[in-house]
Amino acid sequence: MLQSLQDTIKSIENGRRLVIAGDEGLLAKLPKGDWIGGSIPYFMDAVGGKITREEVFVHDLTDCTTSATIKTYSVADLPKIAKEAPEHGFSMVIIPAFSEAHLSYAQNAPNYEDIFMKPIFGWISGIHLSDLGKVTPKVFSGATGVALEREAIVMHFKIPEGKNATVNILNVFDQGDGDAITFETEGFEVMDCFVNGKKEKFSEWITKNNLDTKLPLVADYCGAKINVSYQATRESDGAVLLYAPVFKGVEYKIAKPVPDYVSAFQKIVPDNPSPVFTCNCILNFLYSELEGKVVKNMYGPITFGEIAYQLLNQTLVYLEVK
């Protein structure tokens, strides 16, 4: 829930195991303790989407876990996250947006050893959009009280015997019926693509077909729908910049339009979900104008990317322990 700084300090002092999202200035005032955090001022609360620098969003994971260990991971150490995750538990990962760690995790996580064998969950921290180019996103370690802008922070949680942690992805986007798109290079920047096997300059193809760039590319990964969202076209060379990497050998299609995002999400939210952590994408918040609108039962930070094993875009992800 969203709560005051003072209430959060009390929870930390009482030894609660917390994951906290909020403005960097507030997170910097928290005492050391059993918590990790990431900067962001956008949230989905029970009263609807909200932008605030005056409160923090707190997920208290004490009652569904038995212990936790906080570790910092450099870019070189990121492949160790899954290997060091507990055999019976889950790992909460927070990575600062635009950092080398963010880019490296996005491109390489699917190839990490054991990455899909243990519940790996988390989000990309961000900033208020008016601060772009002025402030860097941060992550915080309650163990040290230090703010980091280059490394990932991870809290490895153990859970009681008889309990299981499950990572869930809600995606309102489906592949459309249009052209099949593939890429010969991987990454966040794309010059050329193949449309139904024919080579095209990607930016020119987007313009020629008057595509709605609010709709992501969608790939089918063995039944899992994975989105890649459009960021911008670089004027100097026409490269298309993306919020998540594309991969070679994967077929993408432009998503079908979603007329009413909130209604679409409510339809796919399972009956009586019991999330212990939830996060949603900043692009969903912006494009669907979620400020003041409620996505019921799914409350948490609005992030610059969601982590459900690998990096995702324009999805809502949640963790259950039951």
C-alpha atoms as a PDB file:
ATOM      1  CA  MET A   1       0.000   0.000   0.000  1.00  0.00           C
ATOM      2  CA  LEU A   2       0.961   3.654  -0.307  1.00  0.00           C
ATOM      3  CA  GLN A   3       1.980   4.965   3.067  1.00  0.00           C
ATOM      4  CA  SER A   4       3.847   7.775   4.789  1.00  0.00           C
ATOM      5  CA  LEU A   5       7.577   7.873   5.335  1.00  0.00           C
ATOM      6  CA  GLN A   6       7.101   7.702   9.119  1.00  0.00           C
ATOM      7  CA  ASP A   7       4.945   4.576   8.947  1.00  0.00           C
ATOM      8  CA  THR A   8       7.535   2.950   6.694  1.00  0.00           C
ATOM      9  CA  ILE A   9      10.343   3.810   9.099  1.00  0.00           C
ATOM     10  CA  LYS A  10       8.375   2.142  11.910  1.00  0.00           C
ATOM     11  CA  SER A  11       7.963  -1.020   9.832  1.00  0.00           C
ATOM     12  CA  ILE A  12      11.706  -1.132   9.117  1.00  0.00           C
ATOM     13  CA  GLU A  13      12.531  -0.591  12.794  1.00  0.00           C
ATOM     14  CA  ASN A  14      10.156  -3.443  13.676  1.00  0.00           C
ATOM     15  CA  GLY A  15      12.211  -5.798  11.509  1.00  0.00           C
ATOM     16  CA  ARG A  16       9.725  -6.254   8.671  1.00  0.00           C
ATOM     17  CA  ARG A  17      10.974  -7.598   5.319  1.00  0.00           C
ATOM     18  CA  LEU A  18       9.969  -4.962   2.775  1.00  0.00           C
ATOM     19  CA  VAL A  19      10.206  -4.038  -0.896  1.00  0.00           C
ATOM     20  CA  ILE A  20       9.700  -0.276  -1.261  1.00  0.00           C
ATOM     21  CA  ALA A  21       9.077   1.993  -4.241  1.00  0.00           C
ATOM     22  CA  GLY A  22       9.121   5.766  -4.065  1.00  0.00           C
ATOM     23  CA  ASP A  23      10.830   9.015  -4.848  1.00  0.00           C
ATOM     24  CA  GLU A  24      14.603   8.894  -4.436  1.00  0.00           C
ATOM     25  CA  GLY A  25      14.492  11.650  -1.810  1.00  0.00           C
ATOM     26  CA  LEU A  26      12.164   9.617   0.411  1.00  0.00           C
ATOM     27  CA  LEU A  27      14.054   6.347   0.009  1.00  0.00           C
ATOM     28  CA  ALA A  28      17.283   8.108   0.999  1.00  0.00           C
ATOM     29  CA  LYS A  29      15.719   9.008   4.372  1.00  0.00           C
ATOM     30  CA  LEU A  30      14.931   5.415   5.356  1.00  0.00           C
ATOM     31  CA  PRO A  31      17.060   3.695   8.025  1.00  0.00           C
ATOM     32  CA  LYS A  32      19.053   0.545   7.440  1.00  0.00           C
ATOM     33  CA  GLY A  33      17.079  -2.645   7.691  1.00  0.00           C
ATOM     34  CA  ASP A  34      15.650  -5.660   5.930  1.00  0.00           C
ATOM     35  CA  TRP A  35      14.462  -3.903   2.782  1.00  0.00           C
ATOM     36  CA  ILE A  36      15.313  -3.034  -0.799  1.00  0.00           C
ATOM     37  CA  GLY A  37      13.866  -0.252  -2.904  1.00  0.00           C
ATOM     38  CA  GLY A  38      13.754   1.502  -6.235  1.00  0.00           C
ATOM     39  CA  SER A  39      12.961   5.026  -7.342  1.00  0.00           C
ATOM     40  CA  ILE A  40       9.610   5.714  -9.041  1.00  0.00           C
ATOM     41  CA  PRO A  41       6.762   8.232  -8.407  1.00  0.00           C
ATOM     42  CA  TYR A  42       4.001   6.351 -10.324  1.00  0.00           C
ATOM     43  CA  PHE A  43       1.699   3.870  -8.601  1.00  0.00           C
ATOM     44  CA  MET A  44      -1.544   1.907  -8.826  1.00  0.00           C
ATOM     45  CA  ASP A  45      -3.368   2.116  -5.517  1.00  0.00           C
ATOM     46  CA  ALA A  46      -6.806   0.981  -4.378  1.00  0.00           C
ATOM     47  CA  VAL A  47      -8.153   4.452  -5.263  1.00  0.00           C
ATOM     48  CA  GLY A  48      -6.573   4.352  -8.735  1.00  0.00           C
ATOM     49  CA  GLY A  49      -3.418   5.334 -10.563  1.00  0.00           C
ATOM     50  CA  LYS A  50      -1.495   8.010  -8.693  1.00  0.00           C
ATOM     51  CA  ILE A  51       1.608  10.171  -9.134  1.00  0.00           C
ATOM     52  CA  THR A  52       3.189  11.226  -5.841  1.00  0.00           C
ATOM     53  CA  ARG A  53       6.556  12.194  -4.366  1.00  0.00           C
ATOM     54  CA  GLU A  54       5.100  12.369  -0.843  1.00  0.00           C
ATOM     55  CA  GLU A  55       4.404   8.669  -0.135  1.00  0.00           C
ATOM     56  CA  VAL A  56       6.111   5.335  -0.760  1.00  0.00           C
ATOM     57  CA  PHE A  57       4.549   2.069  -1.871  1.00  0.00           C
ATOM     58  CA  VAL A  58       5.384  -0.772   0.508  1.00  0.00           C
ATOM     59  CA  HIS A  59       5.050  -4.496  -0.103  1.00  0.00           C
ATOM     60  CA  ASP A  60       5.487  -6.230   3.255  1.00  0.00           C
ATOM     61  CA  LEU A  61       6.674  -9.784   2.546  1.00  0.00           C
ATOM     62  CA  THR A  62       7.369 -10.751   6.159  1.00  0.00           C
ATOM     63  CA  ASP A  63       4.392 -13.015   6.703  1.00  0.00           C
ATOM     64  CA  CYS A  64       4.863 -15.072   3.516  1.00  0.00           C
ATOM     65  CA  THR A  65       8.626 -15.591   3.956  1.00  0.00           C
ATOM     66  CA  THR A  66      10.917 -17.009   6.620  1.00  0.00           C
ATOM     67  CA  SER A  67      14.161 -15.098   5.921  1.00  0.00           C
ATOM     68  CA  ALA A  68      15.846 -12.909   3.331  1.00  0.00           C
ATOM     69  CA  THR A  69      19.325 -12.039   2.117  1.00  0.00           C
ATOM     70  CA  ILE A  70      20.195  -8.791   0.314  1.00  0.00           C
ATOM     71  CA  LYS A  71      22.929  -8.779  -2.346  1.00  0.00           C
ATOM     72  CA  THR A  72      24.272  -6.284  -4.868  1.00  0.00           C
ATOM     73  CA  TYR A  73      25.083  -7.547  -8.374  1.00  0.00           C
ATOM     74  CA  SER A  74      27.417  -5.828 -10.791  1.00  0.00           C
ATOM     75  CA  VAL A  75      26.925  -6.307 -14.532  1.00  0.00           C
ATOM     76  CA  ALA A  76      29.453  -9.134 -14.479  1.00  0.00           C
ATOM     77  CA  ASP A  77      27.626 -10.800 -11.568  1.00  0.00           C
ATOM     78  CA  LEU A  78      24.105 -10.739 -13.050  1.00  0.00           C
ATOM     79  CA  PRO A  79      24.305 -14.336 -14.369  1.00  0.00           C
ATOM     80  CA  LYS A  80      24.729 -15.495 -10.745  1.00  0.00           C
ATOM     81  CA  ILE A  81      21.284 -14.297  -9.631  1.00  0.00           C
ATOM     82  CA  ALA A  82      19.431 -17.489 -10.509  1.00  0.00           C
ATOM     83  CA  LYS A  83      22.255 -19.757  -9.342  1.00  0.00           C
ATOM     84  CA  GLU A  84      22.304 -18.006  -5.958  1.00  0.00           C
ATOM     85  CA  ALA A  85      18.519 -17.931  -5.601  1.00  0.00           C
ATOM     86  CA  PRO A  86      17.137 -20.155  -2.844  1.00  0.00           C
ATOM     87  CA  GLU A  87      15.982 -23.630  -3.740  1.00  0.00           C
ATOM     88  CA  HIS A  88      12.690 -22.982  -1.955  1.00  0.00           C
ATOM     89  CA  GLY A  89      11.737 -19.341  -2.273  1.00  0.00           C
ATOM     90  CA  PHE A  90      11.968 -16.490  -4.769  1.00  0.00           C
ATOM     91  CA  SER A  91      14.260 -13.607  -5.687  1.00  0.00           C
ATOM     92  CA  MET A  92      13.173  -9.975  -6.003  1.00  0.00           C
ATOM     93  CA  VAL A  93      15.311  -8.031  -8.498  1.00  0.00           C
ATOM     94  CA  ILE A  94      15.384  -4.230  -8.936  1.00  0.00           C
ATOM     95  CA  ILE A  95      17.591  -2.674 -11.637  1.00  0.00           C
ATOM     96  CA  PRO A  96      17.993   1.063 -12.408  1.00  0.00           C
ATOM     97  CA  ALA A  97      16.644   2.066 -15.825  1.00  0.00           C
ATOM     98  CA  PHE A  98      19.095   3.068 -18.578  1.00  0.00           C
ATOM     99  CA  SER A  99      22.025   1.512 -16.700  1.00  0.00           C
ATOM    100  CA  GLU A 100      24.429  -1.008 -18.203  1.00  0.00           C
ATOM    101  CA  ALA A 101      22.904  -3.571 -15.840  1.00  0.00           C
ATOM    102  CA  HIS A 102      19.462  -2.874 -17.341  1.00  0.00           C
ATOM    103  CA  LEU A 103      20.696  -3.360 -20.895  1.00  0.00           C
ATOM    104  CA  SER A 104      22.753  -6.431 -20.043  1.00  0.00           C
ATOM    105  CA  TYR A 105      19.946  -8.162 -18.141  1.00  0.00           C
ATOM    106  CA  ALA A 106      17.453  -7.441 -20.921  1.00  0.00           C
ATOM    107  CA  GLN A 107      19.626  -8.967 -23.628  1.00  0.00           C
ATOM    108  CA  ASN A 108      21.233 -11.831 -21.727  1.00  0.00           C
ATOM    109  CA  ALA A 109      18.877 -13.026 -18.972  1.00  0.00           C
ATOM    110  CA  PRO A 110      17.146 -15.676 -21.127  1.00  0.00           C
ATOM    111  CA  ASN A 111      20.518 -17.421 -21.382  1.00  0.00           C
ATOM    112  CA  TYR A 112      21.435 -17.324 -17.678  1.00  0.00           C
ATOM    113  CA  GLU A 113      21.862 -20.703 -16.018  1.00  0.00           C
ATOM    114  CA  ASP A 114      18.702 -21.787 -14.129  1.00  0.00           C
ATOM    115  CA  ILE A 115      16.904 -18.498 -14.958  1.00  0.00           C
ATOM    116  CA  PHE A 116      13.587 -20.280 -15.655  1.00  0.00           C
ATOM    117  CA  MET A 117      14.037 -22.896 -12.912  1.00  0.00           C
ATOM    118  CA  LYS A 118      13.454 -20.602  -9.923  1.00  0.00           C
ATOM    119  CA  PRO A 119      10.998 -17.718  -9.397  1.00  0.00           C
ATOM    120  CA  ILE A 120      12.865 -14.552 -10.470  1.00  0.00           C
ATOM    121  CA  PHE A 121      10.697 -11.459 -10.225  1.00  0.00           C
ATOM    122  CA  GLY A 122      11.115  -7.705 -10.068  1.00  0.00           C
ATOM    123  CA  TRP A 123      11.134  -4.388 -11.864  1.00  0.00           C
ATOM    124  CA  ILE A 124      13.132  -1.584 -13.415  1.00  0.00           C
ATOM    125  CA  SER A 125      13.300   1.555 -11.280  1.00  0.00           C
ATOM    126  CA  GLY A 126      12.681   4.918 -12.898  1.00  0.00           C
ATOM    127  CA  ILE A 127      12.058   8.620 -12.396  1.00  0.00           C
ATOM    128  CA  HIS A 128       9.384  11.210 -13.000  1.00  0.00           C
ATOM    129  CA  LEU A 129       9.246  11.770 -16.748  1.00  0.00           C
ATOM    130  CA  SER A 130       9.888  15.490 -16.245  1.00  0.00           C
ATOM    131  CA  ASP A 131      13.291  14.526 -14.787  1.00  0.00           C
ATOM    132  CA  LEU A 132      14.486  12.612 -17.854  1.00  0.00           C
ATOM    133  CA  GLY A 133      18.027  13.689 -18.676  1.00  0.00           C
ATOM    134  CA  LYS A 134      18.389  15.403 -15.290  1.00  0.00           C
ATOM    135  CA  VAL A 135      18.229  12.568 -12.732  1.00  0.00           C
ATOM    136  CA  THR A 136      19.311   8.929 -12.886  1.00  0.00           C
ATOM    137  CA  PRO A 137      17.057   6.133 -11.572  1.00  0.00           C
ATOM    138  CA  LYS A 138      18.300   4.513  -8.374  1.00  0.00           C
ATOM    139  CA  VAL A 139      18.022   1.290  -6.403  1.00  0.00           C
ATOM    140  CA  PHE A 140      18.565   1.085  -2.650  1.00  0.00           C
ATOM    141  CA  SER A 141      19.962  -1.544  -0.315  1.00  0.00           C
ATOM    142  CA  GLY A 142      18.524  -1.445   3.168  1.00  0.00           C
ATOM    143  CA  ALA A 143      21.491  -3.510   4.316  1.00  0.00           C
ATOM    144  CA  THR A 144      23.917  -0.662   3.596  1.00  0.00           C
ATOM    145  CA  GLY A 145      21.665   2.359   3.149  1.00  0.00           C
ATOM    146  CA  VAL A 146      23.468   3.056  -0.122  1.00  0.00           C
ATOM    147  CA  ALA A 147      21.794   4.256  -3.340  1.00  0.00           C
ATOM    148  CA  LEU A 148      23.084   2.623  -6.535  1.00  0.00           C
ATOM    149  CA  GLU A 149      22.657   3.707 -10.154  1.00  0.00           C
ATOM    150  CA  ARG A 150      24.764   1.078 -11.968  1.00  0.00           C
ATOM    151  CA  GLU A 151      24.159  -2.212 -10.150  1.00  0.00           C
ATOM    152  CA  ALA A 152      21.154  -4.434  -9.499  1.00  0.00           C
ATOM    153  CA  ILE A 153      19.889  -5.036  -5.989  1.00  0.00           C
ATOM    154  CA  VAL A 154      18.376  -8.435  -5.173  1.00  0.00           C
ATOM    155  CA  MET A 155      16.567  -9.754  -2.116  1.00  0.00           C
ATOM    156  CA  HIS A 156      16.600 -13.559  -1.984  1.00  0.00           C
ATOM    157  CA  PHE A 157      13.617 -14.773   0.072  1.00  0.00           C
ATOM    158  CA  LYS A 158      13.073 -18.195   1.596  1.00  0.00           C
ATOM    159  CA  ILE A 159       9.480 -19.333   2.107  1.00  0.00           C
ATOM    160  CA  PRO A 160       7.871 -21.889   4.451  1.00  0.00           C
ATOM    161  CA  GLU A 161       7.712 -25.555   3.543  1.00  0.00           C
ATOM    162  CA  GLY A 162       4.373 -26.330   1.945  1.00  0.00           C
ATOM    163  CA  LYS A 163       4.288 -22.951   0.187  1.00  0.00           C
ATOM    164  CA  ASN A 164       5.133 -22.237  -3.453  1.00  0.00           C
ATOM    165  CA  ALA A 165       6.033 -18.979  -5.191  1.00  0.00           C
ATOM    166  CA  THR A 166       4.527 -18.401  -8.641  1.00  0.00           C
ATOM    167  CA  VAL A 167       5.367 -15.655 -11.137  1.00  0.00           C
ATOM    168  CA  ASN A 168       2.383 -14.550 -13.241  1.00  0.00           C
ATOM    169  CA  ILE A 169       2.198 -12.367 -16.349  1.00  0.00           C
ATOM    170  CA  LEU A 170      -0.939 -10.533 -17.501  1.00  0.00           C
ATOM    171  CA  ASN A 171      -0.708  -9.264 -21.064  1.00  0.00           C
ATOM    172  CA  VAL A 172      -3.699  -7.691 -22.799  1.00  0.00           C
ATOM    173  CA  PHE A 173      -1.915  -7.698 -26.146  1.00  0.00           C
ATOM    174  CA  ASP A 174      -2.232 -10.456 -28.729  1.00  0.00           C
ATOM    175  CA  GLN A 175      -0.440 -10.823 -32.022  1.00  0.00           C
ATOM    176  CA  GLY A 176      -2.357  -9.165 -34.838  1.00  0.00           C
ATOM    177  CA  ASP A 177      -3.136 -10.779 -38.171  1.00  0.00           C
ATOM    178  CA  GLY A 178      -0.635  -8.637 -40.065  1.00  0.00           C
ATOM    179  CA  ASP A 179       2.864  -9.117 -41.405  1.00  0.00           C
ATOM    180  CA  ALA A 180       5.464 -11.411 -39.851  1.00  0.00           C
ATOM    181  CA  ILE A 181       8.540  -9.434 -38.782  1.00  0.00           C
ATOM    182  CA  THR A 182      11.990 -10.867 -38.018  1.00  0.00           C
ATOM    183  CA  PHE A 183      15.382  -9.292 -37.310  1.00  0.00           C
ATOM    184  CA  GLU A 184      18.929 -10.223 -38.250  1.00  0.00           C
ATOM    185  CA  THR A 185      20.460  -8.332 -35.322  1.00  0.00           C
ATOM    186  CA  GLU A 186      19.580  -8.361 -31.609  1.00  0.00           C
ATOM    187  CA  GLY A 187      19.232  -5.471 -29.194  1.00  0.00           C
ATOM    188  CA  PHE A 188      17.442  -2.238 -28.359  1.00  0.00           C
ATOM    189  CA  GLU A 189      18.290  -0.494 -31.666  1.00  0.00           C
ATOM    190  CA  VAL A 190      17.055  -1.734 -35.035  1.00  0.00           C
ATOM    191  CA  MET A 191      17.898  -0.486 -38.526  1.00  0.00           C
ATOM    192  CA  ASP A 192      16.561  -3.234 -40.784  1.00  0.00           C
ATOM    193  CA  CYS A 193      13.977  -5.961 -40.516  1.00  0.00           C
ATOM    194  CA  PHE A 194      12.470  -8.664 -42.689  1.00  0.00           C
ATOM    195  CA  VAL A 195       8.752  -8.315 -43.392  1.00  0.00           C
ATOM    196  CA  ASN A 196       7.342 -11.594 -44.668  1.00  0.00           C
ATOM    197  CA  GLY A 197      10.903 -12.417 -45.698  1.00  0.00           C
ATOM    198  CA  LYS A 198      11.544  -9.141 -47.554  1.00  0.00           C
ATOM    199  CA  LYS A 199      14.220  -6.802 -46.189  1.00  0.00           C
ATOM    200  CA  GLU A 200      12.967  -3.354 -45.171  1.00  0.00           C
ATOM    201  CA  LYS A 201      14.295  -0.361 -43.261  1.00  0.00           C
ATOM    202  CA  PHE A 202      12.235  -0.687 -40.096  1.00  0.00           C
ATOM    203  CA  SER A 203      11.536   3.041 -39.530  1.00  0.00           C
ATOM    204  CA  GLU A 204      10.464   3.523 -43.149  1.00  0.00           C
ATOM    205  CA  TRP A 205       8.176   0.492 -42.979  1.00  0.00           C
ATOM    206  CA  ILE A 206       6.550   1.891 -39.798  1.00  0.00           C
ATOM    207  CA  THR A 207       5.942   5.251 -41.484  1.00  0.00           C
ATOM    208  CA  LYS A 208       4.800   3.764 -44.797  1.00  0.00           C
ATOM    209  CA  ASN A 209       2.173   1.651 -43.058  1.00  0.00           C
ATOM    210  CA  ASN A 210       1.111   4.416 -40.639  1.00  0.00           C
ATOM    211  CA  LEU A 211       1.537   2.056 -37.686  1.00  0.00           C
ATOM    212  CA  ASP A 212       0.339   2.977 -34.193  1.00  0.00           C
ATOM    213  CA  THR A 213       3.612   2.893 -32.225  1.00  0.00           C
ATOM    214  CA  LYS A 214       1.693   2.640 -28.944  1.00  0.00           C
ATOM    215  CA  LEU A 215       1.060  -0.981 -29.913  1.00  0.00           C
ATOM    216  CA  PRO A 216       4.014  -3.289 -29.175  1.00  0.00           C
ATOM    217  CA  LEU A 217       5.568  -5.991 -31.258  1.00  0.00           C
ATOM    218  CA  VAL A 218       4.376  -9.314 -29.838  1.00  0.00           C
ATOM    219  CA  ALA A 219       6.240 -12.620 -30.017  1.00  0.00           C
ATOM    220  CA  ASP A 220       4.940 -16.044 -29.059  1.00  0.00           C
ATOM    221  CA  TYR A 221       7.516 -17.787 -26.836  1.00  0.00           C
ATOM    222  CA  CYS A 222       6.016 -21.271 -26.568  1.00  0.00           C
ATOM    223  CA  GLY A 223       2.661 -19.862 -25.547  1.00  0.00           C
ATOM    224  CA  ALA A 224       3.968 -16.882 -23.553  1.00  0.00           C
ATOM    225  CA  LYS A 225       3.251 -13.518 -25.175  1.00  0.00           C
ATOM    226  CA  ILE A 226       6.303 -11.235 -24.967  1.00  0.00           C
ATOM    227  CA  ASN A 227       6.014  -7.552 -25.922  1.00  0.00           C
ATOM    228  CA  VAL A 228       8.671  -5.237 -27.353  1.00  0.00           C
ATOM    229  CA  SER A 229       7.641  -1.582 -27.155  1.00  0.00           C
ATOM    230  CA  TYR A 230       8.575   1.281 -29.450  1.00  0.00           C
ATOM    231  CA  GLN A 231      10.517   4.183 -27.910  1.00  0.00           C
ATOM    232  CA  ALA A 232      11.539   6.560 -30.736  1.00  0.00           C
ATOM    233  CA  THR A 233      13.180   6.860 -34.147  1.00  0.00           C
ATOM    234  CA  ARG A 234      16.626   8.457 -34.106  1.00  0.00           C
ATOM    235  CA  GLU A 235      16.688  11.316 -36.582  1.00  0.00           C
ATOM    236  CA  SER A 236      20.394  11.051 -37.441  1.00  0.00           C
ATOM    237  CA  ASP A 237      20.248   7.573 -38.983  1.00  0.00           C
ATOM    238  CA  GLY A 238      16.643   6.353 -38.787  1.00  0.00           C
ATOM    239  CA  ALA A 239      17.359   3.660 -36.198  1.00  0.00           C
ATOM    240  CA  VAL A 240      14.298   2.502 -34.267  1.00  0.00           C
ATOM    241  CA  LEU A 241      14.904   2.568 -30.497  1.00  0.00           C
ATOM    242  CA  LEU A 242      13.028   0.010 -28.373  1.00  0.00           C
ATOM    243  CA  TYR A 243      12.243  -0.425 -24.671  1.00  0.00           C
ATOM    244  CA  ALA A 244      13.196  -4.113 -24.781  1.00  0.00           C
ATOM    245  CA  PRO A 245      15.485  -6.041 -27.101  1.00  0.00           C
ATOM    246  CA  VAL A 246      14.412  -8.031 -30.125  1.00  0.00           C
ATOM    247  CA  PHE A 247      16.018 -11.424 -30.758  1.00  0.00           C
ATOM    248  CA  LYS A 248      17.150 -13.179 -33.905  1.00  0.00           C
ATOM    249  CA  GLY A 249      15.068 -16.112 -35.099  1.00  0.00           C
ATOM    250  CA  VAL A 250      11.903 -14.891 -33.349  1.00  0.00           C
ATOM    251  CA  GLU A 251       8.798 -13.926 -35.319  1.00  0.00           C
ATOM    252  CA  TYR A 252       7.048 -10.746 -34.197  1.00  0.00           C
ATOM    253  CA  LYS A 253       3.737  -9.193 -35.207  1.00  0.00           C
ATOM    254  CA  ILE A 254       2.179  -5.835 -34.397  1.00  0.00           C
ATOM    255  CA  ALA A 255      -0.332  -6.232 -31.555  1.00  0.00           C
ATOM    256  CA  LYS A 256      -4.061  -6.069 -32.076  1.00  0.00           C
ATOM    257  CA  PRO A 257      -5.524  -2.746 -30.857  1.00  0.00           C
ATOM    258  CA  VAL A 258      -6.965  -2.697 -27.315  1.00  0.00           C
ATOM    259  CA  PRO A 259      -9.866  -0.187 -27.218  1.00  0.00           C
ATOM    260  CA  ASP A 260     -10.365  -0.191 -23.422  1.00  0.00           C
ATOM    261  CA  TYR A 261      -7.238  -1.144 -21.506  1.00  0.00           C
ATOM    262  CA  VAL A 262      -8.754  -1.207 -18.000  1.00  0.00           C
ATOM    263  CA  SER A 263     -11.696  -3.396 -19.055  1.00  0.00           C
ATOM    264  CA  ALA A 264      -9.363  -5.690 -20.983  1.00  0.00           C
ATOM    265  CA  PHE A 265      -7.162  -6.162 -17.936  1.00  0.00           C
ATOM    266  CA  GLN A 266     -10.077  -6.773 -15.596  1.00  0.00           C
ATOM    267  CA  LYS A 267     -11.249  -9.560 -17.899  1.00  0.00           C
ATOM    268  CA  ILE A 268      -7.965 -11.460 -17.643  1.00  0.00           C
ATOM    269  CA  VAL A 269      -7.334 -10.917 -13.922  1.00  0.00           C
ATOM    270  CA  PRO A 270      -8.127 -14.277 -12.283  1.00  0.00           C
ATOM    271  CA  ASP A 271     -10.886 -14.522  -9.710  1.00  0.00           C
ATOM    272  CA  ASN A 272      -9.649 -13.786  -6.191  1.00  0.00           C
ATOM    273  CA  PRO A 273      -5.912 -13.448  -6.938  1.00  0.00           C
ATOM    274  CA  SER A 274      -3.625 -13.237  -3.925  1.00  0.00           C
ATOM    275  CA  PRO A 275      -0.588 -11.247  -5.084  1.00  0.00           C
ATOM    276  CA  VAL A 276       2.163 -10.478  -2.600  1.00  0.00           C
ATOM    277  CA  PHE A 277       3.787  -8.140  -5.131  1.00  0.00           C
ATOM    278  CA  THR A 278       2.478  -6.453  -8.284  1.00  0.00           C
ATOM    279  CA  CYS A 279       3.885  -4.004 -10.806  1.00  0.00           C
ATOM    280  CA  ASN A 280       2.621  -2.513 -14.053  1.00  0.00           C
ATOM    281  CA  CYS A 281       4.346  -0.770 -16.978  1.00  0.00           C
ATOM    282  CA  ILE A 282       4.735   3.010 -17.324  1.00  0.00           C
ATOM    283  CA  LEU A 283       3.645   2.730 -20.976  1.00  0.00           C
ATOM    284  CA  ASN A 284       0.351   1.153 -19.931  1.00  0.00           C
ATOM    285  CA  PHE A 285      -0.072   3.978 -17.397  1.00  0.00           C
ATOM    286  CA  LEU A 286       0.557   6.676 -19.997  1.00  0.00           C
ATOM    287  CA  TYR A 287      -1.116   5.276 -23.104  1.00  0.00           C
ATOM    288  CA  SER A 288      -4.225   4.166 -21.248  1.00  0.00           C
ATOM    289  CA  GLU A 289      -4.374   7.249 -19.012  1.00  0.00           C
ATOM    290  CA  LEU A 290      -4.547   5.193 -15.834  1.00  0.00           C
ATOM    291  CA  GLU A 291      -4.204   8.108 -13.419  1.00  0.00           C
ATOM    292  CA  GLY A 292      -7.331   7.914 -11.271  1.00  0.00           C
ATOM    293  CA  LYS A 293      -8.420   4.580 -12.803  1.00  0.00           C
ATOM    294  CA  VAL A 294      -8.398   1.338 -10.812  1.00  0.00           C
ATOM    295  CA  VAL A 295      -7.062  -2.031 -11.949  1.00  0.00           C
ATOM    296  CA  LYS A 296      -8.659  -3.983  -9.095  1.00  0.00           C
ATOM    297  CA  ASN A 297      -6.600  -6.266  -6.855  1.00  0.00           C
ATOM    298  CA  MET A 298      -3.361  -5.326  -8.645  1.00  0.00           C
ATOM    299  CA  TYR A 299      -1.674  -2.538  -6.685  1.00  0.00           C
ATOM    300  CA  GLY A 300       1.991  -1.552  -6.794  1.00  0.00           C
ATOM    301  CA  PRO A 301       4.571   0.586  -8.576  1.00  0.00           C
ATOM    302  CA  ILE A 302       4.249   1.607 -12.215  1.00  0.00           C
ATOM    303  CA  THR A 303       7.688   0.765 -13.549  1.00  0.00           C
ATOM    304  CA  PHE A 304      10.108   1.305 -16.429  1.00  0.00           C
ATOM    305  CA  GLY A 305      10.036  -2.459 -17.095  1.00  0.00           C
ATOM    306  CA  GLU A 306       8.775  -5.641 -15.485  1.00  0.00           C
ATOM    307  CA  ILE A 307      10.902  -8.671 -14.648  1.00  0.00           C
ATOM    308  CA  ALA A 308       9.272 -12.087 -14.788  1.00  0.00           C
ATOM    309  CA  TYR A 309      12.419 -14.144 -15.251  1.00  0.00           C
ATOM    310  CA  GLN A 310      13.369 -11.910 -18.222  1.00  0.00           C
ATOM    311  CA  LEU A 311      12.628  -8.262 -18.978  1.00  0.00           C
ATOM    312  CA  LEU A 312       9.069  -7.512 -20.184  1.00  0.00           C
ATOM    313  CA  ASN A 313       7.247  -4.452 -21.548  1.00  0.00           C
ATOM    314  CA  GLN A 314       3.633  -3.300 -21.393  1.00  0.00           C
ATOM    315  CA  THR A 315       2.562  -6.114 -19.089  1.00  0.00           C
ATOM    316  CA  LEU A 316       1.354  -6.441 -15.519  1.00  0.00           C
ATOM    317  CA  VAL A 317       3.243  -9.033 -13.480  1.00  0.00           C
ATOM    318  CA  TYR A 318       2.467 -10.354 -10.032  1.00  0.00           C
ATOM    319  CA  LEU A 319       3.904 -12.821  -7.540  1.00  0.00           C
ATOM    320  CA  GLU A 320       1.883 -15.241  -5.438  1.00  0.00           C
ATOM    321  CA  VAL A 321       3.005 -17.327  -2.471  1.00  0.00           C
ATOM    322  CA  LYS A 322       0.409 -19.909  -1.555  1.00  0.00           C
END
